[in-house]
């Protein structure tokens, strides 16, 4: 009996570290997937709404550098972020700053004009480009999930180059995620299935949300452009109406000024006031 108890305790001590390591790997893999999906979302929104240079961005703008660190613009030429540093007293949070030029050189995305910033076009003419951008977002986010699934069964922890192609999308050459490269063992199959299902659900929710936001943005853009077109046409109408209207008033004013020169031939003109 004592021997069986010792064997059971040994098995528990042996299995527990494996489970903790697996949970840690799963958490790292989830974080990597979330960061990759967030980057694809920022790229998609920059295509729609544009990505101005750092000196043109308003105060309060948040941007990410090439390492995925968020930066906020606090002054005209100051971007800051919070950085954690270990010290003898524990973890301290310090502020790190950089200028507009440094932000542009280390930015995650390139500066560009957005589709909604296109001038002299109707909103209906922009819809094909907007829908194509949304389709590209769907392809790229699905590729992230496919890459995570392919990374699970890699033999080693070093990233390797593989080709990813989802349904109806262009083939891409990408590097696997070291955080998601679990070995194909029985104790990781459940973790792998959890990653599959979670990534697909996150992508589905993201696409549905972006579709709703795009619909609202198109409606707002159409109303705004219609108002500008109406205002422009009304200004042209008022300019065309201005000259004949003012010319007629000018002639009428000149005629009224000549009324005092009309002589009075009626006897009532010299009549005394009524008593």
C-alpha atoms as a PDB file:
ATOM      1  CA  UNK A   1       0.000   0.000   0.000  1.00  0.00           C
ATOM      2  CA  UNK A   2       2.810   2.385   0.917  1.00  0.00           C
ATOM      3  CA  UNK A   3       4.589   1.564  -2.332  1.00  0.00           C
ATOM      4  CA  UNK A   4       1.499   2.354  -4.412  1.00  0.00           C
ATOM      5  CA  UNK A   5       1.074   5.672  -2.573  1.00  0.00           C
ATOM      6  CA  UNK A   6       4.668   6.682  -3.296  1.00  0.00           C
ATOM      7  CA  UNK A   7       4.253   5.761  -6.963  1.00  0.00           C
ATOM      8  CA  UNK A   8       1.045   7.860  -7.171  1.00  0.00           C
ATOM      9  CA  UNK A   9       2.748  10.875  -5.541  1.00  0.00           C
ATOM     10  CA  UNK A  10       5.667  10.527  -7.933  1.00  0.00           C
ATOM     11  CA  UNK A  11       3.339  10.483 -10.920  1.00  0.00           C
ATOM     12  CA  UNK A  12       1.541  13.609  -9.676  1.00  0.00           C
ATOM     13  CA  UNK A  13       4.839  15.451  -9.188  1.00  0.00           C
ATOM     14  CA  UNK A  14       5.984  14.324 -12.630  1.00  0.00           C
ATOM     15  CA  UNK A  15       2.799  15.335 -14.465  1.00  0.00           C
ATOM     16  CA  UNK A  16       2.250  18.712 -12.756  1.00  0.00           C
ATOM     17  CA  UNK A  17       5.287  20.499 -14.263  1.00  0.00           C
ATOM     18  CA  UNK A  18       4.309  19.266 -17.741  1.00  0.00           C
ATOM     19  CA  UNK A  19       0.821  20.687 -17.355  1.00  0.00           C
ATOM     20  CA  UNK A  20       2.123  24.026 -16.103  1.00  0.00           C
ATOM     21  CA  UNK A  21       4.574  24.272 -18.995  1.00  0.00           C
ATOM     22  CA  UNK A  22       1.828  23.410 -21.483  1.00  0.00           C
ATOM     23  CA  UNK A  23      -0.452  26.074 -20.022  1.00  0.00           C
ATOM     24  CA  UNK A  24       2.375  28.604 -20.207  1.00  0.00           C
ATOM     25  CA  UNK A  25       3.037  27.719 -23.848  1.00  0.00           C
ATOM     26  CA  UNK A  26      -0.651  28.020 -24.676  1.00  0.00           C
ATOM     27  CA  UNK A  27      -0.803  31.457 -23.084  1.00  0.00           C
ATOM     28  CA  UNK A  28       2.223  32.626 -25.067  1.00  0.00           C
ATOM     29  CA  UNK A  29       0.677  31.262 -28.239  1.00  0.00           C
ATOM     30  CA  UNK A  30      -2.580  33.096 -27.551  1.00  0.00           C
ATOM     31  CA  UNK A  31      -0.717  36.348 -26.965  1.00  0.00           C
ATOM     32  CA  UNK A  32       1.184  35.911 -30.231  1.00  0.00           C
ATOM     33  CA  UNK A  33      -2.062  35.308 -32.125  1.00  0.00           C
ATOM     34  CA  UNK A  34      -3.701  38.347 -30.529  1.00  0.00           C
ATOM     35  CA  UNK A  35      -0.749  40.583 -31.430  1.00  0.00           C
ATOM     36  CA  UNK A  36      -0.748  39.325 -35.013  1.00  0.00           C
ATOM     37  CA  UNK A  37      -4.493  39.865 -35.421  1.00  0.00           C
ATOM     38  CA  UNK A  38      -4.259  43.347 -33.893  1.00  0.00           C
ATOM     39  CA  UNK A  39      -1.505  44.261 -36.352  1.00  0.00           C
ATOM     40  CA  UNK A  40      -3.638  43.117 -39.292  1.00  0.00           C
ATOM     41  CA  UNK A  41      -6.530  45.201 -37.971  1.00  0.00           C
ATOM     42  CA  UNK A  42      -4.346  48.322 -37.698  1.00  0.00           C
ATOM     43  CA  UNK A  43      -3.081  47.767 -41.244  1.00  0.00           C
ATOM     44  CA  UNK A  44      -6.640  47.458 -42.536  1.00  0.00           C
ATOM     45  CA  UNK A  45      -7.780  50.640 -40.794  1.00  0.00           C
ATOM     46  CA  UNK A  46      -4.778  52.573 -42.068  1.00  0.00           C
ATOM     47  CA  UNK A  47      -5.782  51.621 -45.617  1.00  0.00           C
ATOM     48  CA  UNK A  48      -9.295  52.943 -45.006  1.00  0.00           C
ATOM     49  CA  UNK A  49      -8.653  56.053 -42.908  1.00  0.00           C
ATOM     50  CA  UNK A  50      -5.012  56.808 -43.680  1.00  0.00           C
ATOM     51  CA  UNK A  51      -1.834  56.982 -41.635  1.00  0.00           C
ATOM     52  CA  UNK A  52      -0.482  60.569 -41.470  1.00  0.00           C
ATOM     53  CA  UNK A  53       3.060  61.472 -40.534  1.00  0.00           C
ATOM     54  CA  UNK A  54       3.904  61.889 -36.873  1.00  0.00           C
ATOM     55  CA  UNK A  55       4.083  65.690 -36.991  1.00  0.00           C
ATOM     56  CA  UNK A  56       0.609  65.875 -38.604  1.00  0.00           C
ATOM     57  CA  UNK A  57      -1.044  63.483 -36.131  1.00  0.00           C
ATOM     58  CA  UNK A  58      -3.207  65.181 -33.476  1.00  0.00           C
ATOM     59  CA  UNK A  59      -2.315  65.040 -29.801  1.00  0.00           C
ATOM     60  CA  UNK A  60      -3.678  61.857 -28.221  1.00  0.00           C
ATOM     61  CA  UNK A  61      -2.933  59.653 -31.236  1.00  0.00           C
ATOM     62  CA  UNK A  62      -1.715  56.135 -30.399  1.00  0.00           C
ATOM     63  CA  UNK A  63       0.750  54.378 -32.699  1.00  0.00           C
ATOM     64  CA  UNK A  64       2.837  51.223 -32.570  1.00  0.00           C
ATOM     65  CA  UNK A  65       6.479  50.772 -33.442  1.00  0.00           C
ATOM     66  CA  UNK A  66       8.028  47.842 -35.296  1.00  0.00           C
ATOM     67  CA  UNK A  67       8.340  45.920 -32.004  1.00  0.00           C
ATOM     68  CA  UNK A  68       4.629  46.245 -31.202  1.00  0.00           C
ATOM     69  CA  UNK A  69       5.110  48.825 -28.430  1.00  0.00           C
ATOM     70  CA  UNK A  70       2.295  51.429 -28.217  1.00  0.00           C
ATOM     71  CA  UNK A  71       3.216  55.149 -28.203  1.00  0.00           C
ATOM     72  CA  UNK A  72       0.958  58.112 -27.452  1.00  0.00           C
ATOM     73  CA  UNK A  73       1.483  61.645 -28.724  1.00  0.00           C
ATOM     74  CA  UNK A  74       1.405  64.014 -25.747  1.00  0.00           C
ATOM     75  CA  UNK A  75       2.910  67.161 -27.259  1.00  0.00           C
ATOM     76  CA  UNK A  76       3.625  68.560 -30.714  1.00  0.00           C
ATOM     77  CA  UNK A  77       6.994  66.788 -30.847  1.00  0.00           C
ATOM     78  CA  UNK A  78       6.794  64.240 -28.053  1.00  0.00           C
ATOM     79  CA  UNK A  79       5.656  60.602 -28.081  1.00  0.00           C
ATOM     80  CA  UNK A  80       5.786  58.591 -24.851  1.00  0.00           C
ATOM     81  CA  UNK A  81       5.292  55.022 -23.669  1.00  0.00           C
ATOM     82  CA  UNK A  82       5.488  53.158 -20.369  1.00  0.00           C
ATOM     83  CA  UNK A  83       8.367  50.741 -19.949  1.00  0.00           C
ATOM     84  CA  UNK A  84       8.801  48.184 -17.164  1.00  0.00           C
ATOM     85  CA  UNK A  85      12.237  47.725 -15.608  1.00  0.00           C
ATOM     86  CA  UNK A  86      13.351  45.347 -12.912  1.00  0.00           C
ATOM     87  CA  UNK A  87      14.983  46.846  -9.819  1.00  0.00           C
ATOM     88  CA  UNK A  88      15.997  45.560  -6.364  1.00  0.00           C
ATOM     89  CA  UNK A  89      12.702  46.921  -5.025  1.00  0.00           C
ATOM     90  CA  UNK A  90      10.655  45.217  -7.727  1.00  0.00           C
ATOM     91  CA  UNK A  91       9.308  46.212 -11.122  1.00  0.00           C
ATOM     92  CA  UNK A  92       9.349  49.937 -11.819  1.00  0.00           C
ATOM     93  CA  UNK A  93       7.444  51.672 -14.600  1.00  0.00           C
ATOM     94  CA  UNK A  94       9.365  54.453 -16.337  1.00  0.00           C
ATOM     95  CA  UNK A  95       8.362  56.794 -19.157  1.00  0.00           C
ATOM     96  CA  UNK A  96      10.236  56.640 -22.440  1.00  0.00           C
ATOM     97  CA  UNK A  97       9.910  59.416 -25.030  1.00  0.00           C
ATOM     98  CA  UNK A  98      10.868  60.077 -28.651  1.00  0.00           C
ATOM     99  CA  UNK A  99      10.377  62.778 -31.270  1.00  0.00           C
ATOM    100  CA  UNK A 100       8.254  62.852 -34.421  1.00  0.00           C
ATOM    101  CA  UNK A 101      11.151  61.871 -36.668  1.00  0.00           C
ATOM    102  CA  UNK A 102      12.054  58.957 -34.400  1.00  0.00           C
ATOM    103  CA  UNK A 103       8.428  57.840 -34.386  1.00  0.00           C
ATOM    104  CA  UNK A 104       8.317  57.878 -38.193  1.00  0.00           C
ATOM    105  CA  UNK A 105      11.550  55.892 -38.480  1.00  0.00           C
ATOM    106  CA  UNK A 106      10.400  53.190 -36.034  1.00  0.00           C
ATOM    107  CA  UNK A 107       6.696  53.124 -36.966  1.00  0.00           C
ATOM    108  CA  UNK A 108       5.009  49.798 -37.583  1.00  0.00           C
ATOM    109  CA  UNK A 109       3.051  51.071 -40.617  1.00  0.00           C
ATOM    110  CA  UNK A 110       4.011  53.347 -43.469  1.00  0.00           C
ATOM    111  CA  UNK A 111       2.341  56.721 -43.906  1.00  0.00           C
ATOM    112  CA  UNK A 112      -0.401  56.741 -46.530  1.00  0.00           C
ATOM    113  CA  UNK A 113      -3.607  58.382 -47.675  1.00  0.00           C
ATOM    114  CA  UNK A 114      -6.763  56.478 -46.793  1.00  0.00           C
ATOM    115  CA  UNK A 115      -9.499  55.456 -49.194  1.00  0.00           C
ATOM    116  CA  UNK A 116     -11.986  57.728 -47.432  1.00  0.00           C
ATOM    117  CA  UNK A 117      -9.593  60.657 -47.971  1.00  0.00           C
ATOM    118  CA  UNK A 118      -9.972  60.392 -51.757  1.00  0.00           C
ATOM    119  CA  UNK A 119     -11.417  63.605 -53.226  1.00  0.00           C
ATOM    120  CA  UNK A 120     -13.556  64.325 -56.298  1.00  0.00           C
ATOM    121  CA  UNK A 121     -15.222  60.921 -56.156  1.00  0.00           C
ATOM    122  CA  UNK A 122     -18.633  59.662 -55.078  1.00  0.00           C
ATOM    123  CA  UNK A 123     -18.947  57.234 -52.195  1.00  0.00           C
ATOM    124  CA  UNK A 124     -20.415  54.671 -54.578  1.00  0.00           C
ATOM    125  CA  UNK A 125     -17.178  54.817 -56.560  1.00  0.00           C
ATOM    126  CA  UNK A 126     -15.167  53.968 -53.412  1.00  0.00           C
ATOM    127  CA  UNK A 127     -17.218  50.905 -52.448  1.00  0.00           C
ATOM    128  CA  UNK A 128     -15.256  48.423 -54.648  1.00  0.00           C
ATOM    129  CA  UNK A 129     -11.981  49.465 -52.985  1.00  0.00           C
ATOM    130  CA  UNK A 130     -13.532  49.294 -49.508  1.00  0.00           C
ATOM    131  CA  UNK A 131     -14.981  45.829 -50.020  1.00  0.00           C
ATOM    132  CA  UNK A 132     -11.681  44.608 -51.451  1.00  0.00           C
ATOM    133  CA  UNK A 133      -9.889  45.912 -48.345  1.00  0.00           C
ATOM    134  CA  UNK A 134     -12.339  44.062 -46.102  1.00  0.00           C
ATOM    135  CA  UNK A 135     -11.798  40.911 -48.127  1.00  0.00           C
ATOM    136  CA  UNK A 136      -8.035  41.318 -47.728  1.00  0.00           C
ATOM    137  CA  UNK A 137      -8.512  41.627 -43.951  1.00  0.00           C
ATOM    138  CA  UNK A 138     -10.456  38.382 -43.937  1.00  0.00           C
ATOM    139  CA  UNK A 139      -7.721  36.621 -45.919  1.00  0.00           C
ATOM    140  CA  UNK A 140      -4.907  37.902 -43.719  1.00  0.00           C
ATOM    141  CA  UNK A 141      -6.637  37.108 -40.418  1.00  0.00           C
ATOM    142  CA  UNK A 142      -7.556  33.620 -41.582  1.00  0.00           C
ATOM    143  CA  UNK A 143      -3.925  33.182 -42.603  1.00  0.00           C
ATOM    144  CA  UNK A 144      -2.900  33.991 -39.018  1.00  0.00           C
ATOM    145  CA  UNK A 145      -5.096  31.183 -37.699  1.00  0.00           C
ATOM    146  CA  UNK A 146      -3.829  28.798 -40.354  1.00  0.00           C
ATOM    147  CA  UNK A 147      -0.245  29.721 -39.485  1.00  0.00           C
ATOM    148  CA  UNK A 148      -0.895  29.052 -35.800  1.00  0.00           C
ATOM    149  CA  UNK A 149      -2.379  25.656 -36.648  1.00  0.00           C
ATOM    150  CA  UNK A 150       0.582  24.758 -38.848  1.00  0.00           C
ATOM    151  CA  UNK A 151       3.017  25.916 -36.162  1.00  0.00           C
ATOM    152  CA  UNK A 152       1.627  23.561 -33.521  1.00  0.00           C
ATOM    153  CA  UNK A 153       3.117  20.417 -35.037  1.00  0.00           C
ATOM    154  CA  UNK A 154       6.556  21.753 -35.905  1.00  0.00           C
ATOM    155  CA  UNK A 155       9.369  19.529 -34.658  1.00  0.00           C
ATOM    156  CA  UNK A 156      11.561  22.215 -33.076  1.00  0.00           C
ATOM    157  CA  UNK A 157      11.222  25.636 -31.465  1.00  0.00           C
ATOM    158  CA  UNK A 158      13.004  27.595 -34.185  1.00  0.00           C
ATOM    159  CA  UNK A 159      10.809  29.425 -36.722  1.00  0.00           C
ATOM    160  CA  UNK A 160      10.726  28.022 -40.235  1.00  0.00           C
ATOM    161  CA  UNK A 161       9.437  29.419 -43.508  1.00  0.00           C
ATOM    162  CA  UNK A 162       6.212  27.870 -44.830  1.00  0.00           C
ATOM    163  CA  UNK A 163       3.586  28.725 -47.442  1.00  0.00           C
ATOM    164  CA  UNK A 164       0.072  29.629 -46.317  1.00  0.00           C
ATOM    165  CA  UNK A 165      -2.946  29.868 -48.595  1.00  0.00           C
ATOM    166  CA  UNK A 166      -6.518  30.113 -47.375  1.00  0.00           C
ATOM    167  CA  UNK A 167      -9.626  29.630 -49.501  1.00  0.00           C
ATOM    168  CA  UNK A 168      -9.894  32.273 -52.230  1.00  0.00           C
ATOM    169  CA  UNK A 169      -6.759  34.147 -51.125  1.00  0.00           C
ATOM    170  CA  UNK A 170      -3.250  34.639 -52.450  1.00  0.00           C
ATOM    171  CA  UNK A 171      -0.498  32.334 -51.240  1.00  0.00           C
ATOM    172  CA  UNK A 172       1.929  33.892 -48.743  1.00  0.00           C
ATOM    173  CA  UNK A 173       5.407  32.920 -47.557  1.00  0.00           C
ATOM    174  CA  UNK A 174       5.530  33.419 -43.777  1.00  0.00           C
ATOM    175  CA  UNK A 175       7.504  32.324 -40.725  1.00  0.00           C
ATOM    176  CA  UNK A 176       5.996  30.008 -38.121  1.00  0.00           C
ATOM    177  CA  UNK A 177       5.282  31.132 -34.560  1.00  0.00           C
ATOM    178  CA  UNK A 178       7.847  29.723 -32.102  1.00  0.00           C
ATOM    179  CA  UNK A 179       5.372  30.358 -29.280  1.00  0.00           C
ATOM    180  CA  UNK A 180       2.887  27.944 -30.904  1.00  0.00           C
ATOM    181  CA  UNK A 181       5.279  25.187 -31.961  1.00  0.00           C
ATOM    182  CA  UNK A 182       4.108  22.349 -29.702  1.00  0.00           C
ATOM    183  CA  UNK A 183       5.097  18.800 -30.419  1.00  0.00           C
ATOM    184  CA  UNK A 184       2.363  16.415 -31.543  1.00  0.00           C
ATOM    185  CA  UNK A 185       1.842  14.593 -28.242  1.00  0.00           C
ATOM    186  CA  UNK A 186      -1.296  13.485 -26.497  1.00  0.00           C
ATOM    187  CA  UNK A 187      -0.888  16.066 -23.728  1.00  0.00           C
ATOM    188  CA  UNK A 188      -0.902  18.925 -26.263  1.00  0.00           C
ATOM    189  CA  UNK A 189      -3.762  17.830 -28.512  1.00  0.00           C
ATOM    190  CA  UNK A 190      -6.384  19.410 -26.240  1.00  0.00           C
ATOM    191  CA  UNK A 191      -4.382  22.641 -26.094  1.00  0.00           C
ATOM    192  CA  UNK A 192      -4.035  22.676 -29.871  1.00  0.00           C
ATOM    193  CA  UNK A 193      -7.778  22.231 -30.395  1.00  0.00           C
ATOM    194  CA  UNK A 194      -8.416  25.070 -27.962  1.00  0.00           C
ATOM    195  CA  UNK A 195      -6.140  27.338 -30.008  1.00  0.00           C
ATOM    196  CA  UNK A 196      -7.903  26.354 -33.232  1.00  0.00           C
ATOM    197  CA  UNK A 197     -11.377  27.107 -31.949  1.00  0.00           C
ATOM    198  CA  UNK A 198     -10.409  30.316 -30.149  1.00  0.00           C
ATOM    199  CA  UNK A 199      -8.574  31.820 -33.119  1.00  0.00           C
ATOM    200  CA  UNK A 200     -11.446  31.106 -35.507  1.00  0.00           C
ATOM    201  CA  UNK A 201     -13.963  32.657 -33.103  1.00  0.00           C
ATOM    202  CA  UNK A 202     -11.842  35.774 -32.629  1.00  0.00           C
ATOM    203  CA  UNK A 203     -11.474  36.232 -36.393  1.00  0.00           C
ATOM    204  CA  UNK A 204     -15.203  35.754 -36.942  1.00  0.00           C
ATOM    205  CA  UNK A 205     -16.084  38.358 -34.309  1.00  0.00           C
ATOM    206  CA  UNK A 206     -13.484  40.792 -35.664  1.00  0.00           C
ATOM    207  CA  UNK A 207     -14.791  40.532 -39.242  1.00  0.00           C
ATOM    208  CA  UNK A 208     -18.392  41.015 -38.123  1.00  0.00           C
ATOM    209  CA  UNK A 209     -17.424  44.093 -36.113  1.00  0.00           C
ATOM    210  CA  UNK A 210     -15.386  45.600 -38.933  1.00  0.00           C
ATOM    211  CA  UNK A 211     -18.257  44.994 -41.366  1.00  0.00           C
ATOM    212  CA  UNK A 212     -20.613  46.946 -39.100  1.00  0.00           C
ATOM    213  CA  UNK A 213     -18.091  49.765 -38.658  1.00  0.00           C
ATOM    214  CA  UNK A 214     -17.465  49.909 -42.410  1.00  0.00           C
ATOM    215  CA  UNK A 215     -21.199  50.148 -43.103  1.00  0.00           C
ATOM    216  CA  UNK A 216     -21.494  53.058 -40.663  1.00  0.00           C
ATOM    217  CA  UNK A 217     -18.431  54.786 -42.149  1.00  0.00           C
ATOM    218  CA  UNK A 218     -19.825  54.447 -45.692  1.00  0.00           C
ATOM    219  CA  UNK A 219     -23.157  55.933 -44.619  1.00  0.00           C
ATOM    220  CA  UNK A 220     -21.423  58.849 -42.913  1.00  0.00           C
ATOM    221  CA  UNK A 221     -19.115  59.444 -45.876  1.00  0.00           C
ATOM    222  CA  UNK A 222     -22.034  59.391 -48.322  1.00  0.00           C
ATOM    223  CA  UNK A 223     -23.979  61.927 -46.236  1.00  0.00           C
ATOM    224  CA  UNK A 224     -20.937  64.173 -45.861  1.00  0.00           C
ATOM    225  CA  UNK A 225     -20.065  64.117 -49.565  1.00  0.00           C
ATOM    226  CA  UNK A 226     -23.724  64.741 -50.502  1.00  0.00           C
ATOM    227  CA  UNK A 227     -23.800  67.760 -48.205  1.00  0.00           C
ATOM    228  CA  UNK A 228     -20.606  69.133 -49.763  1.00  0.00           C
ATOM    229  CA  UNK A 229     -21.992  68.628 -53.263  1.00  0.00           C
ATOM    230  CA  UNK A 230     -25.250  70.355 -52.353  1.00  0.00           C
ATOM    231  CA  UNK A 231     -23.361  73.265 -50.768  1.00  0.00           C
ATOM    232  CA  UNK A 232     -21.133  73.606 -53.823  1.00  0.00           C
ATOM    233  CA  UNK A 233     -24.052  73.558 -56.254  1.00  0.00           C
ATOM    234  CA  UNK A 234     -25.970  76.033 -54.103  1.00  0.00           C
ATOM    235  CA  UNK A 235     -22.974  78.391 -54.111  1.00  0.00           C
ATOM    236  CA  UNK A 236     -22.883  78.235 -57.921  1.00  0.00           C
ATOM    237  CA  UNK A 237     -26.610  78.950 -58.036  1.00  0.00           C
ATOM    238  CA  UNK A 238     -26.232  81.968 -55.767  1.00  0.00           C
ATOM    239  CA  UNK A 239     -23.374  83.316 -57.881  1.00  0.00           C
ATOM    240  CA  UNK A 240     -25.475  82.987 -61.030  1.00  0.00           C
ATOM    241  CA  UNK A 241     -28.402  84.669 -59.292  1.00  0.00           C
ATOM    242  CA  UNK A 242     -26.315  87.444 -57.760  1.00  0.00           C
ATOM    243  CA  UNK A 243     -25.686  89.532 -60.881  1.00  0.00           C
ATOM    244  CA  UNK A 244     -29.230  89.733 -62.350  1.00  0.00           C
ATOM    245  CA  UNK A 245     -30.749  90.221 -58.886  1.00  0.00           C
ATOM    246  CA  UNK A 246     -28.383  93.002 -57.829  1.00  0.00           C
ATOM    247  CA  UNK A 247     -28.557  94.603 -61.272  1.00  0.00           C
ATOM    248  CA  UNK A 248     -32.380  94.776 -61.040  1.00  0.00           C
ATOM    249  CA  UNK A 249     -32.213  96.282 -57.545  1.00  0.00           C
ATOM    250  CA  UNK A 250     -29.662  98.814 -58.703  1.00  0.00           C
ATOM    251  CA  UNK A 251     -31.914  99.917 -61.552  1.00  0.00           C
ATOM    252  CA  UNK A 252     -34.935 100.127 -59.240  1.00  0.00           C
ATOM    253  CA  UNK A 253     -32.963 102.207 -56.730  1.00  0.00           C
ATOM    254  CA  UNK A 254     -31.902 104.620 -59.446  1.00  0.00           C
ATOM    255  CA  UNK A 255     -35.490 104.947 -60.640  1.00  0.00           C
ATOM    256  CA  UNK A 256     -36.754 105.682 -57.131  1.00  0.00           C
ATOM    257  CA  UNK A 257     -34.174 108.430 -56.842  1.00  0.00           C
ATOM    258  CA  UNK A 258     -35.698 110.151 -59.859  1.00  0.00           C
ATOM    259  CA  UNK A 259     -39.208 110.401 -58.387  1.00  0.00           C
ATOM    260  CA  UNK A 260     -38.545 113.866 -56.885  1.00  0.00           C
ATOM    261  CA  UNK A 261     -38.080 115.289 -60.364  1.00  0.00           C
ATOM    262  CA  UNK A 262     -41.600 114.422 -61.481  1.00  0.00           C
ATOM    263  CA  UNK A 263     -43.671 117.686 -61.588  1.00  0.00           C
ATOM    264  CA  UNK A 264     -47.086 117.911 -59.931  1.00  0.00           C
ATOM    265  CA  UNK A 265     -49.889 118.894 -62.349  1.00  0.00           C
ATOM    266  CA  UNK A 266     -52.757 118.035 -60.022  1.00  0.00           C
ATOM    267  CA  UNK A 267     -54.520 120.662 -57.920  1.00  0.00           C
ATOM    268  CA  UNK A 268     -54.391 118.293 -54.978  1.00  0.00           C
ATOM    269  CA  UNK A 269     -50.648 118.686 -54.891  1.00  0.00           C
ATOM    270  CA  UNK A 270     -50.996 122.284 -53.625  1.00  0.00           C
ATOM    271  CA  UNK A 271     -54.064 121.647 -51.518  1.00  0.00           C
ATOM    272  CA  UNK A 272     -53.889 122.428 -47.833  1.00  0.00           C
ATOM    273  CA  UNK A 273     -53.992 119.606 -45.297  1.00  0.00           C
ATOM    274  CA  UNK A 274     -57.338 118.276 -44.269  1.00  0.00           C
ATOM    275  CA  UNK A 275     -58.823 119.970 -41.281  1.00  0.00           C
END
